[in-house]
Amino acid sequence: MNYFIIDFDSTFIKTESLDELFRISNPTDKDLHEKINKITSDGMEGKLSFSQSLSNRIGILNANKDDIKKTINEIRDNITDSFKSNKDFFKKNKEYIFIVSSGFHEIIDPIVLNYHIPKKNIYANNFFFDENRKIIGFDKKNPLSKTKGKVEIIKNLKLNGTIHVLGDGYTDFEIKKDGYADYFYLFIENIKRESLTKNADFLVKSFDHFKNIVK
């Protein structure tokens, strides 16, 4: 039995969803955008612990639920091309596909549920809001808010079969590194993180490429 663990940011979609939320909620602050991009990149390449990367970004985020809606609409137009053309695969294999992301349910779920994947198979972080619908933090008890959160999620799923991890970042590689996946496929259709190429079992140019390897 094959199980597919798939990342969201820069894999399922072409961009980083939290970075998009920053851009939409602070459209004119280019210095902030550069700062956020640097924090995200350092976290994805393993230069900064994920928990620190997330805390740093949420600490300077100034956004609300309306900004989240706008972000979702932007992302709908930025789903990875090879994912859009493989809806049938997702529908056929929906019980064996898990979206495991360090992003946030509030943004991810409306996108992924469109691809027939059950909500129970979507793992992500959660925002906290105040009475004015403004983001004021995130659930720090969620394993995905912490370093090696993806490892913990897959460990606890106790999947009995061959586990394939498809993603673009260090947090995806950690699942294989810590012994909870059989293969790590570095997804390079949207971005190629050179520092991770040596850690990958396969460099994957598209979702079709990934399917052909798994066969």
N, C-alpha and C. Protein backbone atom coordinates (compact mmCIF):
# COMPACT_ATOMS: atom_id res chain seq x y z
N MET A 1 0.84 -1.20 0.00
CA MET A 1 0.00 0.00 0.00
C MET A 1 0.88 1.25 0.00
N ASN A 2 0.61 2.16 -0.92
CA ASN A 2 1.32 3.42 -0.99
C ASN A 2 0.55 4.52 -0.28
N TYR A 3 1.27 5.29 0.53
CA TYR A 3 0.71 6.48 1.17
C TYR A 3 1.49 7.69 0.67
N PHE A 4 0.77 8.78 0.42
CA PHE A 4 1.38 9.97 -0.16
C PHE A 4 1.26 11.14 0.83
N ILE A 5 2.40 11.59 1.32
CA ILE A 5 2.45 12.74 2.23
C ILE A 5 2.88 13.94 1.40
N ILE A 6 1.99 14.90 1.26
CA ILE A 6 2.23 16.01 0.33
C ILE A 6 2.22 17.35 1.06
N ASP A 7 3.24 18.13 0.79
CA ASP A 7 3.35 19.48 1.33
C ASP A 7 2.38 20.41 0.58
N PHE A 8 2.13 21.57 1.15
CA PHE A 8 1.21 22.53 0.52
C PHE A 8 1.97 23.69 -0.14
N ASP A 9 2.67 24.47 0.66
CA ASP A 9 3.35 25.66 0.14
C ASP A 9 4.49 25.30 -0.80
N SER A 10 4.51 25.94 -1.95
CA SER A 10 5.53 25.73 -2.99
C SER A 10 5.52 24.30 -3.54
N THR A 11 4.49 23.54 -3.19
CA THR A 11 4.32 22.19 -3.74
C THR A 11 2.91 22.09 -4.33
N PHE A 12 1.91 21.99 -3.50
CA PHE A 12 0.52 21.99 -3.98
C PHE A 12 0.20 23.32 -4.67
N ILE A 13 0.75 24.40 -4.11
CA ILE A 13 0.59 25.72 -4.72
C ILE A 13 1.96 26.26 -5.12
N LYS A 14 1.96 27.28 -5.98
CA LYS A 14 3.20 27.82 -6.51
C LYS A 14 3.93 28.73 -5.53
N THR A 15 3.23 29.20 -4.52
CA THR A 15 3.78 30.21 -3.62
C THR A 15 3.79 29.71 -2.17
N GLU A 16 4.19 30.61 -1.26
CA GLU A 16 4.12 30.35 0.18
C GLU A 16 2.90 31.09 0.72
N SER A 17 1.94 30.36 1.26
CA SER A 17 0.65 30.96 1.63
C SER A 17 0.79 32.03 2.70
N LEU A 18 1.65 31.83 3.67
CA LEU A 18 1.81 32.84 4.73
C LEU A 18 2.46 34.10 4.16
N ASP A 19 3.41 33.92 3.24
CA ASP A 19 4.01 35.08 2.58
C ASP A 19 2.97 35.84 1.78
N GLU A 20 2.05 35.11 1.15
CA GLU A 20 0.98 35.76 0.39
C GLU A 20 0.07 36.56 1.32
N LEU A 21 -0.20 36.01 2.49
CA LEU A 21 -1.03 36.72 3.46
C LEU A 21 -0.35 38.02 3.90
N PHE A 22 0.95 37.96 4.11
CA PHE A 22 1.70 39.19 4.45
C PHE A 22 1.61 40.20 3.33
N ARG A 23 1.77 39.74 2.09
CA ARG A 23 1.76 40.66 0.95
C ARG A 23 0.39 41.34 0.80
N ILE A 24 -0.67 40.58 1.01
CA ILE A 24 -2.02 41.12 0.86
C ILE A 24 -2.39 42.05 2.01
N SER A 25 -1.97 41.71 3.21
CA SER A 25 -2.33 42.53 4.37
C SER A 25 -1.43 43.76 4.53
N ASN A 26 -0.25 43.74 3.90
CA ASN A 26 0.68 44.88 3.96
C ASN A 26 1.24 45.13 2.55
N PRO A 27 0.39 45.56 1.61
CA PRO A 27 0.77 45.58 0.20
C PRO A 27 1.90 46.53 -0.18
N THR A 28 2.14 47.56 0.60
CA THR A 28 3.14 48.57 0.20
C THR A 28 4.46 48.46 0.94
N ASP A 29 4.55 47.56 1.92
CA ASP A 29 5.76 47.47 2.75
C ASP A 29 6.74 46.46 2.15
N LYS A 30 7.55 46.90 1.19
CA LYS A 30 8.48 46.00 0.50
C LYS A 30 9.59 45.49 1.42
N ASP A 31 10.01 46.32 2.37
CA ASP A 31 11.03 45.88 3.32
C ASP A 31 10.53 44.72 4.16
N LEU A 32 9.26 44.78 4.56
CA LEU A 32 8.65 43.71 5.34
C LEU A 32 8.56 42.44 4.50
N HIS A 33 8.19 42.58 3.24
CA HIS A 33 8.08 41.41 2.35
C HIS A 33 9.42 40.71 2.22
N GLU A 34 10.49 41.49 2.07
CA GLU A 34 11.83 40.90 1.95
C GLU A 34 12.24 40.19 3.23
N LYS A 35 11.91 40.81 4.35
CA LYS A 35 12.24 40.22 5.65
C LYS A 35 11.51 38.89 5.84
N ILE A 36 10.23 38.86 5.49
CA ILE A 36 9.43 37.65 5.62
C ILE A 36 9.95 36.55 4.69
N ASN A 37 10.26 36.93 3.46
CA ASN A 37 10.78 35.94 2.50
C ASN A 37 12.07 35.32 3.00
N LYS A 38 12.92 36.13 3.63
CA LYS A 38 14.20 35.63 4.15
C LYS A 38 13.96 34.65 5.30
N ILE A 39 13.05 34.98 6.21
CA ILE A 39 12.74 34.10 7.33
C ILE A 39 12.18 32.77 6.81
N THR A 40 11.25 32.86 5.84
CA THR A 40 10.65 31.65 5.26
C THR A 40 11.72 30.78 4.61
N SER A 41 12.57 31.39 3.81
CA SER A 41 13.61 30.65 3.09
C SER A 41 14.57 29.97 4.05
N ASP A 42 14.99 30.69 5.09
CA ASP A 42 15.91 30.11 6.08
C ASP A 42 15.28 28.92 6.78
N GLY A 43 13.98 29.01 7.06
CA GLY A 43 13.29 27.90 7.71
C GLY A 43 13.17 26.70 6.79
N MET A 44 12.86 26.93 5.51
CA MET A 44 12.69 25.84 4.55
C MET A 44 14.00 25.13 4.24
N GLU A 45 15.11 25.85 4.36
CA GLU A 45 16.41 25.26 4.07
C GLU A 45 17.09 24.69 5.32
N GLY A 46 16.42 24.82 6.48
CA GLY A 46 16.96 24.27 7.71
C GLY A 46 17.99 25.15 8.38
N LYS A 47 18.09 26.40 7.93
CA LYS A 47 19.04 27.33 8.53
C LYS A 47 18.49 27.96 9.81
N LEU A 48 17.18 27.87 9.97
CA LEU A 48 16.49 28.41 11.14
C LEU A 48 15.46 27.38 11.56
N SER A 49 15.35 27.13 12.88
CA SER A 49 14.37 26.13 13.33
C SER A 49 12.98 26.57 12.91
N PHE A 50 12.12 25.59 12.59
CA PHE A 50 10.80 25.96 12.11
C PHE A 50 10.03 26.74 13.16
N SER A 51 10.09 26.31 14.42
CA SER A 51 9.32 26.99 15.47
C SER A 51 9.73 28.46 15.57
N GLN A 52 11.03 28.72 15.42
CA GLN A 52 11.50 30.10 15.48
C GLN A 52 11.04 30.89 14.26
N SER A 53 11.10 30.23 13.11
CA SER A 53 10.66 30.87 11.86
C SER A 53 9.19 31.27 11.95
N LEU A 54 8.35 30.37 12.44
CA LEU A 54 6.92 30.66 12.54
C LEU A 54 6.64 31.76 13.55
N SER A 55 7.26 31.67 14.71
CA SER A 55 7.05 32.69 15.75
C SER A 55 7.47 34.07 15.27
N ASN A 56 8.61 34.12 14.56
CA ASN A 56 9.11 35.40 14.05
C ASN A 56 8.12 36.03 13.06
N ARG A 57 7.56 35.19 12.20
CA ARG A 57 6.65 35.72 11.18
C ARG A 57 5.30 36.15 11.78
N ILE A 58 4.71 35.29 12.61
CA ILE A 58 3.41 35.62 13.18
C ILE A 58 3.52 36.83 14.11
N GLY A 59 4.68 36.99 14.73
CA GLY A 59 4.90 38.12 15.63
C GLY A 59 4.81 39.48 14.95
N ILE A 60 5.05 39.52 13.63
CA ILE A 60 4.98 40.81 12.92
C ILE A 60 3.83 40.84 11.91
N LEU A 61 2.96 39.84 11.97
CA LEU A 61 1.82 39.80 11.05
C LEU A 61 0.72 40.73 11.53
N ASN A 62 0.17 41.50 10.60
CA ASN A 62 -0.95 42.39 10.91
C ASN A 62 -2.05 42.10 9.88
N ALA A 63 -2.90 41.10 10.18
CA ALA A 63 -3.89 40.65 9.21
C ALA A 63 -5.16 40.19 9.91
N ASN A 64 -6.24 40.09 9.15
CA ASN A 64 -7.53 39.67 9.70
C ASN A 64 -8.21 38.66 8.77
N LYS A 65 -9.42 38.27 9.11
CA LYS A 65 -10.12 37.24 8.33
C LYS A 65 -10.42 37.68 6.90
N ASP A 66 -10.63 38.99 6.70
CA ASP A 66 -10.84 39.48 5.34
C ASP A 66 -9.58 39.29 4.49
N ASP A 67 -8.42 39.52 5.10
CA ASP A 67 -7.16 39.31 4.39
C ASP A 67 -6.98 37.83 4.04
N ILE A 68 -7.42 36.95 4.92
CA ILE A 68 -7.34 35.51 4.66
C ILE A 68 -8.20 35.16 3.44
N LYS A 69 -9.41 35.71 3.35
CA LYS A 69 -10.29 35.44 2.20
C LYS A 69 -9.63 35.90 0.89
N LYS A 70 -9.01 37.07 0.94
CA LYS A 70 -8.33 37.58 -0.25
C LYS A 70 -7.15 36.68 -0.63
N THR A 71 -6.46 36.19 0.38
CA THR A 71 -5.32 35.29 0.14
C THR A 71 -5.79 33.99 -0.52
N ILE A 72 -6.89 33.44 -0.03
CA ILE A 72 -7.43 32.21 -0.62
C ILE A 72 -7.77 32.43 -2.09
N ASN A 73 -8.39 33.56 -2.40
CA ASN A 73 -8.74 33.86 -3.79
C ASN A 73 -7.51 33.97 -4.67
N GLU A 74 -6.44 34.55 -4.13
CA GLU A 74 -5.17 34.66 -4.87
C GLU A 74 -4.59 33.26 -5.12
N ILE A 75 -4.62 32.46 -4.10
CA ILE A 75 -4.01 31.12 -4.19
C ILE A 75 -4.77 30.23 -5.16
N ARG A 76 -6.07 30.40 -5.25
CA ARG A 76 -6.86 29.59 -6.21
C ARG A 76 -6.30 29.74 -7.63
N ASP A 77 -5.71 30.89 -7.92
CA ASP A 77 -5.13 31.14 -9.24
C ASP A 77 -3.66 30.72 -9.30
N ASN A 78 -3.15 30.19 -8.21
CA ASN A 78 -1.72 29.83 -8.15
C ASN A 78 -1.50 28.39 -7.70
N ILE A 79 -2.44 27.53 -7.99
CA ILE A 79 -2.24 26.09 -7.74
C ILE A 79 -1.24 25.57 -8.77
N THR A 80 -0.35 24.74 -8.34
CA THR A 80 0.69 24.20 -9.21
C THR A 80 0.07 23.53 -10.44
N ASP A 81 0.61 23.85 -11.60
CA ASP A 81 0.02 23.41 -12.87
C ASP A 81 -0.19 21.90 -12.92
N SER A 82 0.82 21.12 -12.53
CA SER A 82 0.71 19.67 -12.63
C SER A 82 -0.24 19.08 -11.59
N PHE A 83 -0.56 19.83 -10.56
CA PHE A 83 -1.57 19.39 -9.60
C PHE A 83 -2.96 19.61 -10.19
N LYS A 84 -3.15 20.75 -10.84
CA LYS A 84 -4.45 21.06 -11.45
C LYS A 84 -4.86 20.01 -12.47
N SER A 85 -3.88 19.46 -13.17
CA SER A 85 -4.19 18.49 -14.23
C SER A 85 -4.30 17.05 -13.71
N ASN A 86 -4.21 16.89 -12.38
CA ASN A 86 -4.26 15.53 -11.81
C ASN A 86 -5.36 15.34 -10.78
N LYS A 87 -6.45 16.06 -10.97
CA LYS A 87 -7.57 15.94 -10.02
C LYS A 87 -8.09 14.50 -9.93
N ASP A 88 -8.06 13.79 -11.03
CA ASP A 88 -8.54 12.40 -11.03
C ASP A 88 -7.71 11.52 -10.11
N PHE A 89 -6.39 11.77 -10.09
CA PHE A 89 -5.51 10.99 -9.21
C PHE A 89 -5.87 11.25 -7.75
N PHE A 90 -6.12 12.50 -7.42
CA PHE A 90 -6.47 12.83 -6.03
C PHE A 90 -7.80 12.22 -5.64
N LYS A 91 -8.74 12.23 -6.56
CA LYS A 91 -10.05 11.65 -6.26
C LYS A 91 -9.94 10.14 -6.06
N LYS A 92 -9.17 9.49 -6.91
CA LYS A 92 -9.02 8.04 -6.86
C LYS A 92 -8.27 7.59 -5.61
N ASN A 93 -7.29 8.38 -5.17
CA ASN A 93 -6.41 7.99 -4.05
C ASN A 93 -6.64 8.81 -2.78
N LYS A 94 -7.79 9.44 -2.67
CA LYS A 94 -8.01 10.42 -1.60
C LYS A 94 -7.80 9.86 -0.19
N GLU A 95 -8.08 8.58 0.03
CA GLU A 95 -7.93 8.01 1.37
C GLU A 95 -6.46 7.77 1.73
N TYR A 96 -5.59 7.80 0.73
CA TYR A 96 -4.17 7.50 0.94
C TYR A 96 -3.28 8.73 0.81
N ILE A 97 -3.93 9.89 0.60
CA ILE A 97 -3.18 11.15 0.45
C ILE A 97 -3.37 11.98 1.71
N PHE A 98 -2.27 12.48 2.24
CA PHE A 98 -2.29 13.34 3.43
C PHE A 98 -1.58 14.65 3.08
N ILE A 99 -2.28 15.75 3.29
CA ILE A 99 -1.64 17.05 3.15
C ILE A 99 -1.12 17.42 4.52
N VAL A 100 0.19 17.52 4.63
CA VAL A 100 0.82 17.84 5.92
C VAL A 100 1.64 19.11 5.72
N SER A 101 1.16 20.18 6.34
CA SER A 101 1.73 21.49 6.08
C SER A 101 1.97 22.27 7.37
N SER A 102 2.97 23.10 7.33
CA SER A 102 3.22 24.02 8.44
C SER A 102 2.45 25.32 8.25
N GLY A 103 1.66 25.38 7.17
CA GLY A 103 0.77 26.51 6.94
C GLY A 103 -0.46 26.41 7.83
N PHE A 104 -1.55 27.07 7.42
CA PHE A 104 -2.70 27.20 8.30
C PHE A 104 -3.99 26.68 7.66
N HIS A 105 -4.75 25.94 8.47
CA HIS A 105 -6.02 25.35 8.02
C HIS A 105 -6.92 26.39 7.36
N GLU A 106 -6.95 27.59 7.93
CA GLU A 106 -7.88 28.61 7.45
C GLU A 106 -7.63 28.97 5.98
N ILE A 107 -6.40 28.79 5.53
CA ILE A 107 -6.05 29.06 4.13
C ILE A 107 -6.04 27.77 3.31
N ILE A 108 -5.52 26.71 3.87
CA ILE A 108 -5.29 25.46 3.14
C ILE A 108 -6.58 24.70 2.85
N ASP A 109 -7.44 24.54 3.84
CA ASP A 109 -8.62 23.69 3.69
C ASP A 109 -9.50 24.07 2.50
N PRO A 110 -9.83 25.35 2.31
CA PRO A 110 -10.71 25.69 1.18
C PRO A 110 -10.11 25.33 -0.18
N ILE A 111 -8.78 25.26 -0.25
CA ILE A 111 -8.11 24.89 -1.50
C ILE A 111 -8.10 23.38 -1.68
N VAL A 112 -7.65 22.67 -0.67
CA VAL A 112 -7.42 21.23 -0.77
C VAL A 112 -8.72 20.43 -0.82
N LEU A 113 -9.73 20.88 -0.11
CA LEU A 113 -11.01 20.15 -0.12
C LEU A 113 -11.61 20.08 -1.52
N ASN A 114 -11.24 21.02 -2.37
CA ASN A 114 -11.67 21.04 -3.77
C ASN A 114 -11.09 19.89 -4.57
N TYR A 115 -10.06 19.24 -4.01
CA TYR A 115 -9.37 18.15 -4.68
C TYR A 115 -9.75 16.79 -4.09
N HIS A 116 -10.93 16.75 -3.43
CA HIS A 116 -11.54 15.51 -2.94
C HIS A 116 -10.83 14.92 -1.71
N ILE A 117 -9.80 15.58 -1.21
CA ILE A 117 -9.08 15.04 -0.05
C ILE A 117 -9.91 15.28 1.21
N PRO A 118 -10.17 14.24 2.00
CA PRO A 118 -11.00 14.41 3.20
C PRO A 118 -10.34 15.33 4.22
N LYS A 119 -11.17 16.07 4.93
CA LYS A 119 -10.66 17.01 5.93
C LYS A 119 -9.81 16.31 6.98
N LYS A 120 -10.15 15.06 7.30
CA LYS A 120 -9.39 14.32 8.32
C LYS A 120 -7.96 14.03 7.86
N ASN A 121 -7.70 14.16 6.57
CA ASN A 121 -6.36 13.90 6.03
C ASN A 121 -5.56 15.17 5.81
N ILE A 122 -6.08 16.30 6.32
CA ILE A 122 -5.37 17.57 6.19
C ILE A 122 -4.83 17.96 7.57
N TYR A 123 -3.52 18.13 7.65
CA TYR A 123 -2.86 18.51 8.90
C TYR A 123 -2.16 19.84 8.69
N ALA A 124 -2.50 20.80 9.56
CA ALA A 124 -1.92 22.14 9.44
C ALA A 124 -2.07 22.87 10.78
N ASN A 125 -1.57 24.09 10.83
CA ASN A 125 -1.68 24.93 12.02
C ASN A 125 -3.02 25.65 12.07
N ASN A 126 -3.29 26.31 13.19
CA ASN A 126 -4.51 27.08 13.37
C ASN A 126 -4.20 28.47 13.90
N PHE A 127 -4.85 29.49 13.32
CA PHE A 127 -4.73 30.85 13.83
C PHE A 127 -5.62 31.05 15.05
N PHE A 128 -5.26 32.01 15.89
CA PHE A 128 -6.14 32.53 16.93
C PHE A 128 -6.56 33.95 16.51
N PHE A 129 -7.82 34.30 16.79
CA PHE A 129 -8.36 35.61 16.41
C PHE A 129 -8.92 36.33 17.64
N ASP A 130 -8.95 37.66 17.56
CA ASP A 130 -9.61 38.42 18.62
C ASP A 130 -11.04 38.73 18.20
N GLU A 131 -11.74 39.52 19.02
CA GLU A 131 -13.15 39.79 18.75
C GLU A 131 -13.35 40.63 17.49
N ASN A 132 -12.29 41.27 17.01
CA ASN A 132 -12.37 42.07 15.78
C ASN A 132 -11.91 41.29 14.55
N ARG A 133 -11.76 39.96 14.70
CA ARG A 133 -11.40 39.07 13.59
C ARG A 133 -9.95 39.24 13.15
N LYS A 134 -9.16 39.84 14.00
CA LYS A 134 -7.74 40.03 13.69
C LYS A 134 -6.92 38.85 14.21
N ILE A 135 -5.91 38.43 13.45
CA ILE A 135 -5.04 37.34 13.89
C ILE A 135 -4.17 37.82 15.05
N ILE A 136 -4.19 37.09 16.15
CA ILE A 136 -3.40 37.49 17.31
C ILE A 136 -2.39 36.42 17.74
N GLY A 137 -2.37 35.32 17.00
CA GLY A 137 -1.42 34.26 17.36
C GLY A 137 -1.80 32.95 16.71
N PHE A 138 -1.26 31.87 17.23
CA PHE A 138 -1.54 30.54 16.68
C PHE A 138 -1.49 29.52 17.81
N ASP A 139 -2.04 28.35 17.54
CA ASP A 139 -2.13 27.29 18.54
C ASP A 139 -0.75 26.65 18.74
N LYS A 140 -0.10 26.98 19.83
CA LYS A 140 1.26 26.47 20.09
C LYS A 140 1.26 25.03 20.59
N LYS A 141 0.07 24.47 20.82
CA LYS A 141 -0.01 23.06 21.22
C LYS A 141 -0.05 22.14 19.99
N ASN A 142 -0.28 22.73 18.85
CA ASN A 142 -0.32 21.96 17.61
C ASN A 142 1.10 21.51 17.26
N PRO A 143 1.32 20.21 17.05
CA PRO A 143 2.68 19.73 16.73
C PRO A 143 3.32 20.45 15.54
N LEU A 144 2.49 20.88 14.59
CA LEU A 144 3.03 21.51 13.38
C LEU A 144 3.52 22.93 13.62
N SER A 145 3.29 23.45 14.81
CA SER A 145 3.84 24.77 15.14
C SER A 145 5.26 24.65 15.69
N LYS A 146 5.72 23.42 15.84
CA LYS A 146 7.02 23.17 16.47
C LYS A 146 8.00 22.53 15.49
N THR A 147 9.26 22.61 15.84
CA THR A 147 10.29 21.94 15.06
C THR A 147 10.01 20.44 15.03
N LYS A 148 10.16 19.83 13.87
CA LYS A 148 9.90 18.40 13.63
C LYS A 148 8.44 18.03 13.84
N GLY A 149 7.55 19.00 13.65
CA GLY A 149 6.12 18.72 13.79
C GLY A 149 5.61 17.73 12.77
N LYS A 150 6.12 17.81 11.54
CA LYS A 150 5.68 16.87 10.51
C LYS A 150 6.11 15.45 10.86
N VAL A 151 7.28 15.32 11.44
CA VAL A 151 7.76 14.00 11.88
C VAL A 151 6.78 13.41 12.89
N GLU A 152 6.37 14.24 13.85
CA GLU A 152 5.45 13.75 14.89
C GLU A 152 4.10 13.33 14.30
N ILE A 153 3.61 14.11 13.35
CA ILE A 153 2.32 13.78 12.73
C ILE A 153 2.39 12.42 12.05
N ILE A 154 3.40 12.20 11.23
CA ILE A 154 3.51 10.93 10.50
C ILE A 154 3.78 9.77 11.46
N LYS A 155 4.58 10.01 12.46
CA LYS A 155 4.84 8.97 13.47
C LYS A 155 3.53 8.52 14.11
N ASN A 156 2.68 9.49 14.47
CA ASN A 156 1.43 9.16 15.16
C ASN A 156 0.37 8.55 14.24
N LEU A 157 0.50 8.76 12.94
CA LEU A 157 -0.47 8.16 12.01
C LEU A 157 -0.29 6.64 11.91
N LYS A 158 0.94 6.17 12.14
CA LYS A 158 1.23 4.72 12.12
C LYS A 158 0.71 4.05 10.85
N LEU A 159 1.11 4.62 9.74
CA LEU A 159 0.68 4.09 8.45
C LEU A 159 1.41 2.79 8.14
N ASN A 160 0.67 1.80 7.69
CA ASN A 160 1.25 0.49 7.40
C ASN A 160 1.37 0.31 5.89
N GLY A 161 2.51 0.72 5.35
CA GLY A 161 2.72 0.64 3.92
C GLY A 161 3.96 1.42 3.53
N THR A 162 4.09 1.70 2.25
CA THR A 162 5.22 2.47 1.74
C THR A 162 4.85 3.94 1.77
N ILE A 163 5.68 4.74 2.44
CA ILE A 163 5.37 6.16 2.64
C ILE A 163 6.25 7.02 1.74
N HIS A 164 5.59 7.79 0.88
CA HIS A 164 6.26 8.68 -0.06
C HIS A 164 6.01 10.12 0.37
N VAL A 165 7.06 10.88 0.60
CA VAL A 165 6.93 12.28 0.99
C VAL A 165 7.32 13.17 -0.18
N LEU A 166 6.40 14.05 -0.57
CA LEU A 166 6.63 14.98 -1.67
C LEU A 166 6.57 16.41 -1.14
N GLY A 167 7.70 17.12 -1.24
CA GLY A 167 7.73 18.48 -0.75
C GLY A 167 8.98 19.21 -1.20
N ASP A 168 9.05 20.48 -0.86
CA ASP A 168 10.16 21.32 -1.32
C ASP A 168 11.10 21.73 -0.20
N GLY A 169 10.78 21.38 1.06
CA GLY A 169 11.54 21.94 2.17
C GLY A 169 12.18 20.93 3.11
N TYR A 170 12.99 21.46 4.01
CA TYR A 170 13.72 20.65 4.97
C TYR A 170 12.78 19.91 5.91
N THR A 171 11.66 20.53 6.25
CA THR A 171 10.70 19.88 7.17
C THR A 171 10.10 18.62 6.54
N ASP A 172 10.03 18.59 5.21
CA ASP A 172 9.56 17.38 4.52
C ASP A 172 10.64 16.30 4.56
N PHE A 173 11.86 16.70 4.29
CA PHE A 173 12.98 15.76 4.33
C PHE A 173 13.13 15.12 5.72
N GLU A 174 12.84 15.90 6.77
CA GLU A 174 13.02 15.38 8.14
C GLU A 174 12.20 14.11 8.39
N ILE A 175 11.06 13.98 7.72
CA ILE A 175 10.23 12.78 7.91
C ILE A 175 11.01 11.54 7.49
N LYS A 176 11.67 11.61 6.37
CA LYS A 176 12.52 10.50 5.89
C LYS A 176 13.77 10.37 6.77
N LYS A 177 14.37 11.50 7.07
CA LYS A 177 15.61 11.52 7.86
C LYS A 177 15.42 10.82 9.21
N ASP A 178 14.24 11.00 9.82
CA ASP A 178 13.98 10.43 11.14
C ASP A 178 13.36 9.03 11.06
N GLY A 179 13.26 8.50 9.85
CA GLY A 179 12.85 7.10 9.71
C GLY A 179 11.37 6.84 9.57
N TYR A 180 10.57 7.87 9.26
CA TYR A 180 9.12 7.67 9.17
C TYR A 180 8.59 7.76 7.73
N ALA A 181 9.50 7.71 6.77
CA ALA A 181 9.11 7.65 5.36
C ALA A 181 10.14 6.80 4.62
N ASP A 182 9.69 6.20 3.54
CA ASP A 182 10.58 5.36 2.73
C ASP A 182 11.32 6.18 1.68
N TYR A 183 10.64 7.22 1.17
CA TYR A 183 11.25 8.04 0.12
C TYR A 183 10.92 9.51 0.33
N PHE A 184 11.92 10.37 0.03
CA PHE A 184 11.69 11.81 0.00
C PHE A 184 11.92 12.31 -1.42
N TYR A 185 10.89 12.91 -1.99
CA TYR A 185 10.94 13.45 -3.34
C TYR A 185 11.00 14.97 -3.23
N LEU A 186 12.10 15.56 -3.66
CA LEU A 186 12.23 17.02 -3.64
C LEU A 186 11.49 17.58 -4.85
N PHE A 187 10.44 18.34 -4.58
CA PHE A 187 9.59 18.88 -5.64
C PHE A 187 10.17 20.18 -6.15
N ILE A 188 10.51 20.21 -7.44
CA ILE A 188 11.22 21.38 -7.98
C ILE A 188 10.46 22.08 -9.11
N GLU A 189 9.18 21.80 -9.25
CA GLU A 189 8.41 22.47 -10.31
C GLU A 189 8.32 23.97 -10.05
N ASN A 190 8.21 24.36 -8.78
CA ASN A 190 8.04 25.78 -8.43
C ASN A 190 9.32 26.44 -7.93
N ILE A 191 10.10 25.70 -7.16
CA ILE A 191 11.35 26.23 -6.61
C ILE A 191 12.30 25.06 -6.36
N LYS A 192 13.56 25.31 -6.58
CA LYS A 192 14.57 24.27 -6.35
C LYS A 192 15.51 24.75 -5.26
N ARG A 193 15.43 24.13 -4.10
CA ARG A 193 16.30 24.50 -2.99
C ARG A 193 17.56 23.65 -3.09
N GLU A 194 18.61 24.26 -3.61
CA GLU A 194 19.84 23.53 -3.92
C GLU A 194 20.42 22.82 -2.70
N SER A 195 20.23 23.41 -1.52
CA SER A 195 20.81 22.81 -0.31
C SER A 195 20.17 21.48 0.04
N LEU A 196 19.00 21.18 -0.57
CA LEU A 196 18.29 19.94 -0.25
C LEU A 196 18.47 18.85 -1.31
N THR A 197 19.06 19.18 -2.44
CA THR A 197 19.15 18.20 -3.52
C THR A 197 19.91 16.94 -3.11
N LYS A 198 20.91 17.11 -2.27
CA LYS A 198 21.72 15.95 -1.83
C LYS A 198 20.94 15.03 -0.89
N ASN A 199 19.87 15.54 -0.31
CA ASN A 199 19.07 14.74 0.64
C ASN A 199 17.92 13.98 -0.01
N ALA A 200 17.66 14.28 -1.27
CA ALA A 200 16.48 13.72 -1.93
C ALA A 200 16.77 12.36 -2.56
N ASP A 201 15.79 11.46 -2.48
CA ASP A 201 15.88 10.21 -3.22
C ASP A 201 15.64 10.47 -4.70
N PHE A 202 14.76 11.46 -4.98
CA PHE A 202 14.46 11.83 -6.36
C PHE A 202 14.21 13.33 -6.43
N LEU A 203 14.64 13.96 -7.52
CA LEU A 203 14.25 15.33 -7.83
C LEU A 203 13.06 15.23 -8.77
N VAL A 204 11.95 15.84 -8.40
CA VAL A 204 10.70 15.68 -9.13
C VAL A 204 10.30 16.99 -9.81
N LYS A 205 10.17 16.94 -11.13
CA LYS A 205 9.90 18.14 -11.91
C LYS A 205 8.41 18.49 -11.99
N SER A 206 7.55 17.52 -11.71
CA SER A 206 6.11 17.75 -11.79
C SER A 206 5.40 16.61 -11.06
N PHE A 207 4.09 16.76 -10.87
CA PHE A 207 3.35 15.68 -10.22
C PHE A 207 3.28 14.46 -11.13
N ASP A 208 3.25 14.67 -12.44
CA ASP A 208 3.26 13.55 -13.37
C ASP A 208 4.57 12.77 -13.27
N HIS A 209 5.66 13.49 -13.12
CA HIS A 209 6.97 12.86 -12.92
C HIS A 209 6.95 12.00 -11.66
N PHE A 210 6.38 12.55 -10.60
CA PHE A 210 6.26 11.84 -9.33
C PHE A 210 5.47 10.55 -9.51
N LYS A 211 4.33 10.61 -10.18
CA LYS A 211 3.49 9.42 -10.40
C LYS A 211 4.25 8.35 -11.18
N ASN A 212 5.01 8.77 -12.17
CA ASN A 212 5.76 7.81 -12.99
C ASN A 212 6.84 7.09 -12.17
N ILE A 213 7.43 7.78 -11.23
CA ILE A 213 8.46 7.15 -10.37
C ILE A 213 7.80 6.15 -9.42
N VAL A 214 6.69 6.55 -8.82
CA VAL A 214 6.02 5.69 -7.83
C VAL A 214 5.53 4.40 -8.47
N LYS A 215 5.17 4.45 -9.73
CA LYS A 215 4.72 3.23 -10.43
C LYS A 215 5.75 2.13 -10.32
